Protein backbone atom coordinates (compact mmCIF):
# COMPACT_ATOMS: atom_id res chain seq x y z
CA MET A 1 78.20 70.69 -4.24
CA ASP A 2 79.24 67.35 -2.78
CA LEU A 3 79.29 64.16 -4.88
CA ASP A 4 76.82 62.59 -2.44
CA ASP A 5 74.29 65.26 -3.44
CA LEU A 6 74.40 64.04 -7.04
CA LEU A 7 73.98 60.33 -6.32
CA PRO A 8 70.48 58.88 -5.90
CA GLN A 9 69.47 58.40 -2.30
CA LYS A 10 68.94 54.83 -1.09
CA LYS A 11 65.46 53.97 0.05
CA PRO A 12 65.30 53.10 3.73
CA THR A 13 64.44 49.45 4.22
CA SER A 14 61.38 48.51 6.19
CA VAL A 15 63.14 45.44 7.57
CA ALA A 16 66.02 45.53 9.98
CA ILE A 17 67.62 42.18 10.75
CA GLY A 18 67.63 41.49 14.48
CA GLU A 19 64.99 44.13 15.23
CA ASN A 20 62.76 43.53 18.24
CA LEU A 21 59.55 42.00 16.90
CA GLU A 22 57.51 42.16 20.11
CA ALA A 23 55.90 45.52 19.35
CA LEU A 24 54.83 44.58 15.80
CA SER A 25 51.27 43.57 14.95
CA VAL A 26 50.38 40.38 13.11
CA ALA A 27 49.86 42.40 9.92
CA GLU A 28 53.26 44.05 10.31
CA LEU A 29 54.89 40.67 10.91
CA GLU A 30 53.22 39.22 7.81
CA ARG A 31 54.37 42.20 5.75
CA ARG A 32 57.89 41.73 7.12
CA ILE A 33 57.82 38.06 6.08
CA LYS A 34 56.69 39.06 2.57
CA ASP A 35 59.45 41.70 2.33
CA LEU A 36 62.08 39.21 3.46
CA GLU A 37 60.85 36.56 1.01
CA MET A 38 61.05 39.09 -1.84
CA GLU A 39 64.56 40.04 -0.75
CA ILE A 40 65.62 36.38 -0.68
CA VAL A 41 64.40 35.97 -4.28
CA ARG A 42 66.28 39.12 -5.32
CA VAL A 43 69.52 38.06 -3.62
CA ARG A 44 69.35 34.52 -5.04
CA ALA A 45 68.82 35.91 -8.55
CA GLU A 46 71.87 38.15 -8.19
CA ALA A 47 73.97 35.28 -6.79
CA ASP A 48 72.92 33.07 -9.73
CA ARG A 49 73.76 35.84 -12.20
CA LYS A 50 77.22 36.23 -10.66
CA LYS A 51 77.81 32.46 -10.67
CA ARG A 52 76.96 32.31 -14.39
CA HIS A 53 79.27 35.25 -15.08
CA GLU A 54 82.06 33.64 -13.08
CA ALA A 55 81.62 30.31 -14.92
CA ALA A 56 81.68 32.07 -18.30
CA ALA A 57 84.86 33.94 -17.38
CA HIS A 58 86.45 30.75 -16.08
CA ALA A 59 85.57 28.91 -19.32
CA LEU A 60 86.94 31.76 -21.42
CA PHE A 61 90.28 32.03 -19.65
CA LYS A 62 90.75 28.35 -18.84
CA SER A 63 94.05 27.05 -20.19
């Protein structure tokens, strides 16, 4: 058994950056916007978490 078989599979994303949008309906475009907005919130939260962690580490080890 391969290690990859034991790891959880990643969910395929419904949004591909740079994808041709011409064939999508208005509803699909609106859903895409919602998905991207949710992803922006998620990425910003992770960036903020990492900034706080970095600041705490810097304060701890500052000479």
